[in-house]
Amino acid sequence: MQYIKNIQIFIFLSIKLSFDNYFNISMFEFINKKIPNQKKESYTGNREYKRYLDGGTDEDLLQEIKKNKNLKNVHIHHLKEIKINYKINKRATQLRYRLIEGKGKALYMIGVEDNGNVDGITMEKLLDSIDFLHKISYTIQAKIKNIRIYKGNLVDKYICTARIYLDNYDYDYII
């Protein structure tokens, strides 16, 4: 039964994400085991934990519009674009910091809490997070070399590790 579920997940991933054309990922693996809880995330170093990555929901945006009367005259589509670009740039700065700390290498763990708990997230949320991570990496010309997906501690929840590199790491260029 588990084998069939793994095949279904892989097919789902293949359809949702086009690794060869869009992501430029060297390696993708689904590993049929759980990873242990991690140590608490450090403010320094090249390792970053994220519960998930996304640009926010339409509901979040509508709440902001209701709070700020000046935004009512701006088309919601433009606001959504602005908000997503802001989040991408904010997360790209964070990724750049992790790459500097790791001398051109960073490890992102998606589905992991800051305290190191690895309960995981749904496959759909994980795939959306991988898509967002690609946008962040692309912004600073970093490459995702490999992605590994593991089982989370909770049923039907998953964890993703992504190794990110700068091809020609040059400290002066990054800063």
Protein backbone atom coordinates (compact mmCIF):
# COMPACT_ATOMS: atom_id res chain seq x y z
CA MET A 1 0.00 0.00 0.00
CA GLN A 2 2.81 2.42 0.90
CA TYR A 3 4.52 1.71 -2.44
CA ILE A 4 1.36 2.75 -4.31
CA LYS A 5 1.11 5.92 -2.23
CA ASN A 6 4.75 6.80 -3.07
CA ILE A 7 4.05 6.32 -6.78
CA GLN A 8 0.98 8.55 -6.51
CA ILE A 9 3.01 11.26 -4.79
CA PHE A 10 5.74 11.06 -7.42
CA ILE A 11 3.18 11.31 -10.26
CA PHE A 12 1.54 14.25 -8.50
CA LEU A 13 4.93 15.94 -8.16
CA SER A 14 5.79 15.31 -11.81
CA ILE A 15 2.54 16.85 -12.98
CA LYS A 16 2.55 19.82 -10.59
CA LEU A 17 6.23 20.69 -11.02
CA SER A 18 8.19 20.57 -14.23
CA PHE A 19 11.66 19.95 -12.82
CA ASP A 20 13.59 19.87 -16.09
CA ASN A 21 12.22 23.05 -17.63
CA TYR A 22 11.24 25.30 -14.78
CA PHE A 23 13.19 24.42 -11.69
CA ASN A 24 16.62 23.42 -12.98
CA ILE A 25 16.98 20.99 -10.08
CA SER A 26 19.84 18.51 -10.39
CA MET A 27 18.30 15.84 -8.18
CA PHE A 28 14.90 15.05 -6.73
CA GLU A 29 14.22 12.20 -4.31
CA PHE A 30 11.31 10.93 -2.28
CA ILE A 31 12.71 9.13 0.76
CA ASN A 32 10.22 6.80 2.40
CA LYS A 33 11.21 7.46 6.00
CA LYS A 34 10.90 10.08 8.69
CA ILE A 35 13.69 12.38 9.74
CA PRO A 36 14.19 13.03 13.46
CA ASN A 37 13.30 16.31 15.10
CA GLN A 38 16.04 18.87 14.51
CA LYS A 39 17.84 21.11 16.96
CA LYS A 40 16.36 24.58 17.43
CA GLU A 41 17.07 26.90 14.50
CA SER A 42 20.06 29.17 14.98
CA TYR A 43 20.04 32.83 13.97
CA THR A 44 23.43 32.24 12.36
CA GLY A 45 24.67 29.53 10.03
CA ASN A 46 23.50 28.29 6.65
CA ARG A 47 20.44 26.29 7.80
CA GLU A 48 16.93 27.77 7.56
CA TYR A 49 13.71 26.19 8.85
CA LYS A 50 10.39 27.20 7.31
CA ARG A 51 6.99 25.86 8.19
CA TYR A 52 6.03 26.80 4.62
CA LEU A 53 6.76 29.47 2.05
CA ASP A 54 4.11 31.41 0.15
CA GLY A 55 3.06 34.83 -1.00
CA GLY A 56 0.00 35.00 1.25
CA THR A 57 -3.65 34.31 0.56
CA ASP A 58 -6.34 36.45 -1.04
CA GLU A 59 -8.06 36.55 2.36
CA ASP A 60 -4.94 38.13 3.90
CA LEU A 61 -4.90 40.72 1.14
CA LEU A 62 -8.60 41.53 1.57
CA GLN A 63 -8.03 42.05 5.31
CA GLU A 64 -5.23 44.53 4.52
CA ILE A 65 -7.48 46.41 2.10
CA LYS A 66 -10.21 46.68 4.74
CA LYS A 67 -7.70 48.03 7.28
CA ASN A 68 -6.11 50.57 4.91
CA LYS A 69 -8.61 52.90 3.19
CA ASN A 70 -5.93 54.18 0.78
CA LEU A 71 -5.72 50.74 -0.83
CA LYS A 72 -9.40 50.61 -1.83
CA ASN A 73 -8.77 52.42 -5.14
CA VAL A 74 -5.95 50.05 -6.18
CA HIS A 75 -6.93 46.97 -8.17
CA ILE A 76 -6.61 43.78 -6.09
CA HIS A 77 -4.50 42.10 -8.79
CA HIS A 78 -1.86 44.83 -8.55
CA LEU A 79 -1.86 44.64 -4.76
CA LYS A 80 -1.36 40.89 -4.88
CA GLU A 81 1.61 41.29 -7.25
CA ILE A 82 3.17 43.95 -5.03
CA LYS A 83 2.71 41.82 -1.91
CA ILE A 84 4.18 38.69 -3.54
CA ASN A 85 7.18 40.63 -4.88
CA TYR A 86 7.74 42.14 -1.43
CA LYS A 87 7.69 38.68 0.18
CA ILE A 88 10.00 37.23 -2.48
CA ASN A 89 12.53 40.03 -1.94
CA LYS A 90 12.29 39.74 1.84
CA ARG A 91 12.90 35.98 1.71
CA ALA A 92 15.64 36.44 -0.91
CA THR A 93 17.50 38.67 1.53
CA GLN A 94 17.18 35.96 4.15
CA LEU A 95 18.45 33.32 1.69
CA ARG A 96 21.37 35.53 0.72
CA TYR A 97 22.32 35.79 4.41
CA ARG A 98 22.23 31.98 4.77
CA LEU A 99 24.36 31.62 1.63
CA ILE A 100 26.91 34.09 2.99
CA GLU A 101 27.00 32.19 6.30
CA GLY A 102 27.55 28.92 4.40
CA LYS A 103 30.14 30.32 1.95
CA GLY A 104 27.81 29.81 -1.03
CA LYS A 105 25.77 26.87 0.34
CA ALA A 106 22.48 26.82 2.25
CA LEU A 107 20.10 24.15 3.48
CA TYR A 108 16.39 24.94 3.64
CA MET A 109 14.08 22.62 5.56
CA ILE A 110 10.43 23.19 4.69
CA GLY A 111 7.78 21.78 7.00
CA VAL A 112 10.02 22.27 10.04
CA GLU A 113 9.18 24.65 12.89
CA ASP A 114 11.79 27.05 14.31
CA ASN A 115 12.00 24.83 17.41
CA GLY A 116 13.07 21.88 15.19
CA ASN A 117 9.76 20.01 15.30
CA VAL A 118 9.20 18.04 12.05
CA ASP A 119 5.43 17.45 12.02
CA GLY A 120 5.34 18.38 8.32
CA ILE A 121 2.83 19.99 5.96
CA THR A 122 0.47 18.74 3.25
CA MET A 123 1.93 17.77 -0.11
CA GLU A 124 0.07 20.61 -1.82
CA LYS A 125 1.47 23.20 0.60
CA LEU A 126 4.92 21.64 0.22
CA LEU A 127 4.78 21.91 -3.57
CA ASP A 128 3.64 25.53 -3.35
CA SER A 129 6.55 26.17 -0.97
CA ILE A 130 9.03 24.59 -3.40
CA ASP A 131 7.64 26.82 -6.17
CA PHE A 132 8.06 29.89 -3.95
CA LEU A 133 11.59 28.79 -2.96
CA HIS A 134 12.48 28.61 -6.65
CA LYS A 135 11.27 32.19 -7.16
CA ILE A 136 13.34 33.31 -4.18
CA SER A 137 16.46 31.50 -5.45
CA TYR A 138 16.00 32.85 -8.96
CA THR A 139 15.87 36.40 -7.57
CA ILE A 140 19.44 36.16 -6.27
CA GLN A 141 20.70 33.83 -9.04
CA ALA A 142 21.09 30.85 -6.72
CA LYS A 143 20.40 27.28 -7.81
CA ILE A 144 18.51 24.52 -6.04
CA LYS A 145 20.80 21.52 -6.48
CA ASN A 146 18.61 18.87 -4.91
CA ILE A 147 15.34 18.35 -3.15
CA ARG A 148 14.51 15.47 -0.84
CA ILE A 149 11.03 14.84 0.51
CA TYR A 150 10.57 12.84 3.71
CA LYS A 151 7.58 11.79 5.75
CA GLY A 152 6.60 14.15 8.54
CA ASN A 153 5.73 13.02 12.05
CA LEU A 154 2.01 13.42 11.30
CA VAL A 155 -0.02 11.25 8.89
CA ASP A 156 0.03 12.50 5.27
CA LYS A 157 2.41 15.35 6.14
CA TYR A 158 5.81 15.86 4.55
CA ILE A 159 9.16 17.58 5.04
CA CYS A 160 11.40 18.89 2.28
CA THR A 161 15.11 19.59 2.36
CA ALA A 162 16.52 21.78 -0.38
CA ARG A 163 20.22 22.39 -0.93
CA ILE A 164 20.86 25.75 -2.51
CA TYR A 165 24.13 26.96 -4.03
CA LEU A 166 25.67 29.95 -5.68
CA ASP A 167 27.73 28.65 -8.59
CA ASN A 168 30.50 31.19 -8.43
CA TYR A 169 30.51 32.15 -4.79
CA ASP A 170 32.22 35.51 -4.40
CA TYR A 171 31.77 37.19 -1.04
CA ASP A 172 32.34 40.67 -2.46
CA TYR A 173 29.78 40.10 -5.23
CA ILE A 174 27.06 38.92 -2.84
CA ILE A 175 27.35 41.89 -0.50
